[in-house]
């Protein structure tokens, strides 16, 4: 039985992008599957099971990744990885917190300038 490589696009939606923690989450999940996982951003393709490789992508919020999965459990792996990325690596709650912090910092700068 010949298996085809599954390739899908995924958009980074969490506010901080794919920094160390989301990269570790991605690698941990990818490593649960037998399939090979590759991730591409622009012209750089890395092993999706390598923390250093995934971090090298420097995928910021709004950027797109191409995930390629090949192997006997490729469909399950792709489904799980796409869900993780779409969920913002469980970091979407940070959006409101970041906004509040930015507003506080802006207010503090205004207060410093007024005094």
C-alpha atoms as a PDB file:
ATOM      1  CA  UNK A   1       0.000   0.000   0.000  1.00  0.00           C
ATOM      2  CA  UNK A   2       1.458   3.339  -1.077  1.00  0.00           C
ATOM      3  CA  UNK A   3       0.738   6.259   1.212  1.00  0.00           C
ATOM      4  CA  UNK A   4       0.621   9.809  -0.062  1.00  0.00           C
ATOM      5  CA  UNK A   5       2.165  12.759   1.708  1.00  0.00           C
ATOM      6  CA  UNK A   6      -0.494  14.989   3.258  1.00  0.00           C
ATOM      7  CA  UNK A   7       0.265  18.694   3.043  1.00  0.00           C
ATOM      8  CA  UNK A   8      -1.805  21.478   4.601  1.00  0.00           C
ATOM      9  CA  UNK A   9      -1.437  25.154   5.395  1.00  0.00           C
ATOM     10  CA  UNK A  10      -1.845  26.422   8.957  1.00  0.00           C
ATOM     11  CA  UNK A  11      -1.982  30.031  10.124  1.00  0.00           C
ATOM     12  CA  UNK A  12      -0.348  31.056  13.395  1.00  0.00           C
ATOM     13  CA  UNK A  13      -3.090  32.771  15.414  1.00  0.00           C
ATOM     14  CA  UNK A  14      -1.698  33.040  18.937  1.00  0.00           C
ATOM     15  CA  UNK A  15      -0.477  36.563  19.793  1.00  0.00           C
ATOM     16  CA  UNK A  16       3.114  35.606  20.626  1.00  0.00           C
ATOM     17  CA  UNK A  17       3.669  33.360  17.611  1.00  0.00           C
ATOM     18  CA  UNK A  18       5.549  30.071  17.780  1.00  0.00           C
ATOM     19  CA  UNK A  19       7.967  30.876  20.603  1.00  0.00           C
ATOM     20  CA  UNK A  20       9.584  28.206  22.812  1.00  0.00           C
ATOM     21  CA  UNK A  21       6.461  26.865  24.552  1.00  0.00           C
ATOM     22  CA  UNK A  22       4.282  26.468  21.433  1.00  0.00           C
ATOM     23  CA  UNK A  23       7.237  24.970  19.551  1.00  0.00           C
ATOM     24  CA  UNK A  24       7.669  22.427  22.352  1.00  0.00           C
ATOM     25  CA  UNK A  25       3.927  21.648  22.274  1.00  0.00           C
ATOM     26  CA  UNK A  26       4.082  21.111  18.504  1.00  0.00           C
ATOM     27  CA  UNK A  27       7.141  18.830  18.721  1.00  0.00           C
ATOM     28  CA  UNK A  28       5.672  16.866  21.641  1.00  0.00           C
ATOM     29  CA  UNK A  29       2.462  16.237  19.693  1.00  0.00           C
ATOM     30  CA  UNK A  30       4.250  15.447  16.408  1.00  0.00           C
ATOM     31  CA  UNK A  31       6.498  12.962  18.228  1.00  0.00           C
ATOM     32  CA  UNK A  32       3.485  10.913  19.339  1.00  0.00           C
ATOM     33  CA  UNK A  33       2.996   9.772  15.750  1.00  0.00           C
ATOM     34  CA  UNK A  34       5.034   7.352  13.637  1.00  0.00           C
ATOM     35  CA  UNK A  35       4.714   9.553  10.553  1.00  0.00           C
ATOM     36  CA  UNK A  36       7.444  11.955   9.536  1.00  0.00           C
ATOM     37  CA  UNK A  37       6.465  15.585  10.025  1.00  0.00           C
ATOM     38  CA  UNK A  38       8.015  18.500   8.169  1.00  0.00           C
ATOM     39  CA  UNK A  39       7.136  22.157   8.589  1.00  0.00           C
ATOM     40  CA  UNK A  40       7.895  24.904   6.067  1.00  0.00           C
ATOM     41  CA  UNK A  41       7.767  28.664   6.434  1.00  0.00           C
ATOM     42  CA  UNK A  42       8.859  30.676   3.423  1.00  0.00           C
ATOM     43  CA  UNK A  43      11.984  28.902   2.094  1.00  0.00           C
ATOM     44  CA  UNK A  44      12.903  27.050   5.303  1.00  0.00           C
ATOM     45  CA  UNK A  45      11.769  23.447   5.853  1.00  0.00           C
ATOM     46  CA  UNK A  46      12.472  21.752   9.189  1.00  0.00           C
ATOM     47  CA  UNK A  47      11.816  18.472  10.977  1.00  0.00           C
ATOM     48  CA  UNK A  48       8.546  18.916  12.886  1.00  0.00           C
ATOM     49  CA  UNK A  49       9.871  16.644  15.633  1.00  0.00           C
ATOM     50  CA  UNK A  50      12.907  18.868  16.319  1.00  0.00           C
ATOM     51  CA  UNK A  51      12.489  21.676  18.853  1.00  0.00           C
ATOM     52  CA  UNK A  52      15.456  23.594  17.427  1.00  0.00           C
ATOM     53  CA  UNK A  53      14.145  23.191  13.898  1.00  0.00           C
ATOM     54  CA  UNK A  54      10.638  24.371  14.732  1.00  0.00           C
ATOM     55  CA  UNK A  55      11.967  27.350  16.707  1.00  0.00           C
ATOM     56  CA  UNK A  56      14.188  28.313  13.740  1.00  0.00           C
ATOM     57  CA  UNK A  57      11.034  29.013  11.734  1.00  0.00           C
ATOM     58  CA  UNK A  58      10.396  32.106  13.912  1.00  0.00           C
ATOM     59  CA  UNK A  59       6.720  31.912  12.973  1.00  0.00           C
ATOM     60  CA  UNK A  60       5.050  35.107  14.162  1.00  0.00           C
ATOM     61  CA  UNK A  61       1.329  35.701  14.605  1.00  0.00           C
ATOM     62  CA  UNK A  62      -0.347  35.862  11.205  1.00  0.00           C
ATOM     63  CA  UNK A  63       2.316  33.853   9.389  1.00  0.00           C
ATOM     64  CA  UNK A  64       1.486  30.665   7.501  1.00  0.00           C
ATOM     65  CA  UNK A  65       3.158  27.292   7.836  1.00  0.00           C
ATOM     66  CA  UNK A  66       2.979  24.355   5.461  1.00  0.00           C
ATOM     67  CA  UNK A  67       2.806  21.102   7.411  1.00  0.00           C
ATOM     68  CA  UNK A  68       3.704  17.888   5.543  1.00  0.00           C
ATOM     69  CA  UNK A  69       3.025  14.497   7.107  1.00  0.00           C
ATOM     70  CA  UNK A  70       3.987  11.111   5.656  1.00  0.00           C
ATOM     71  CA  UNK A  71       3.322   7.696   7.165  1.00  0.00           C
ATOM     72  CA  UNK A  72       0.766   5.185   8.331  1.00  0.00           C
ATOM     73  CA  UNK A  73      -0.850   7.547  10.858  1.00  0.00           C
ATOM     74  CA  UNK A  74      -0.487  10.680   8.721  1.00  0.00           C
ATOM     75  CA  UNK A  75      -4.181  11.590   8.739  1.00  0.00           C
ATOM     76  CA  UNK A  76      -4.412  11.440  12.528  1.00  0.00           C
ATOM     77  CA  UNK A  77      -1.153  13.370  12.911  1.00  0.00           C
ATOM     78  CA  UNK A  78      -2.255  16.101  10.517  1.00  0.00           C
ATOM     79  CA  UNK A  79      -5.642  16.447  12.204  1.00  0.00           C
ATOM     80  CA  UNK A  80      -4.041  16.785  15.650  1.00  0.00           C
ATOM     81  CA  UNK A  81      -1.339  19.244  14.531  1.00  0.00           C
ATOM     82  CA  UNK A  82      -3.790  21.467  12.642  1.00  0.00           C
ATOM     83  CA  UNK A  83      -6.079  21.531  15.693  1.00  0.00           C
ATOM     84  CA  UNK A  84      -3.171  22.556  17.946  1.00  0.00           C
ATOM     85  CA  UNK A  85      -2.149  25.411  15.634  1.00  0.00           C
ATOM     86  CA  UNK A  86      -5.761  26.553  15.100  1.00  0.00           C
ATOM     87  CA  UNK A  87      -6.271  26.594  18.876  1.00  0.00           C
ATOM     88  CA  UNK A  88      -3.326  28.978  19.218  1.00  0.00           C
ATOM     89  CA  UNK A  89      -1.274  26.382  21.111  1.00  0.00           C
ATOM     90  CA  UNK A  90      -3.669  26.900  24.056  1.00  0.00           C
ATOM     91  CA  UNK A  91      -2.486  30.528  24.349  1.00  0.00           C
ATOM     92  CA  UNK A  92      -5.464  32.496  23.044  1.00  0.00           C
ATOM     93  CA  UNK A  93      -6.305  33.632  26.583  1.00  0.00           C
ATOM     94  CA  UNK A  94      -3.122  35.713  26.410  1.00  0.00           C
ATOM     95  CA  UNK A  95      -4.682  38.070  23.865  1.00  0.00           C
ATOM     96  CA  UNK A  96      -6.753  39.955  26.449  1.00  0.00           C
ATOM     97  CA  UNK A  97      -3.910  39.894  28.974  1.00  0.00           C
ATOM     98  CA  UNK A  98      -1.473  41.332  26.427  1.00  0.00           C
ATOM     99  CA  UNK A  99      -3.913  44.064  25.440  1.00  0.00           C
ATOM    100  CA  UNK A 100      -4.396  45.036  29.089  1.00  0.00           C
ATOM    101  CA  UNK A 101      -0.626  45.117  29.658  1.00  0.00           C
ATOM    102  CA  UNK A 102      -0.096  47.283  26.556  1.00  0.00           C
ATOM    103  CA  UNK A 103      -2.791  49.720  27.716  1.00  0.00           C
ATOM    104  CA  UNK A 104      -1.223  49.933  31.185  1.00  0.00           C
ATOM    105  CA  UNK A 105       2.221  50.591  29.686  1.00  0.00           C
ATOM    106  CA  UNK A 106       0.835  53.291  27.372  1.00  0.00           C
ATOM    107  CA  UNK A 107      -0.958  54.923  30.297  1.00  0.00           C
ATOM    108  CA  UNK A 108       2.226  54.840  32.399  1.00  0.00           C
ATOM    109  CA  UNK A 109       4.210  56.463  29.570  1.00  0.00           C
ATOM    110  CA  UNK A 110       1.577  59.207  29.276  1.00  0.00           C
ATOM    111  CA  UNK A 111       1.655  59.792  33.025  1.00  0.00           C
ATOM    112  CA  UNK A 112       5.471  59.993  33.016  1.00  0.00           C
ATOM    113  CA  UNK A 113       5.361  62.532  30.185  1.00  0.00           C
ATOM    114  CA  UNK A 114       2.740  64.657  31.967  1.00  0.00           C
ATOM    115  CA  UNK A 115       4.699  64.857  35.226  1.00  0.00           C
END
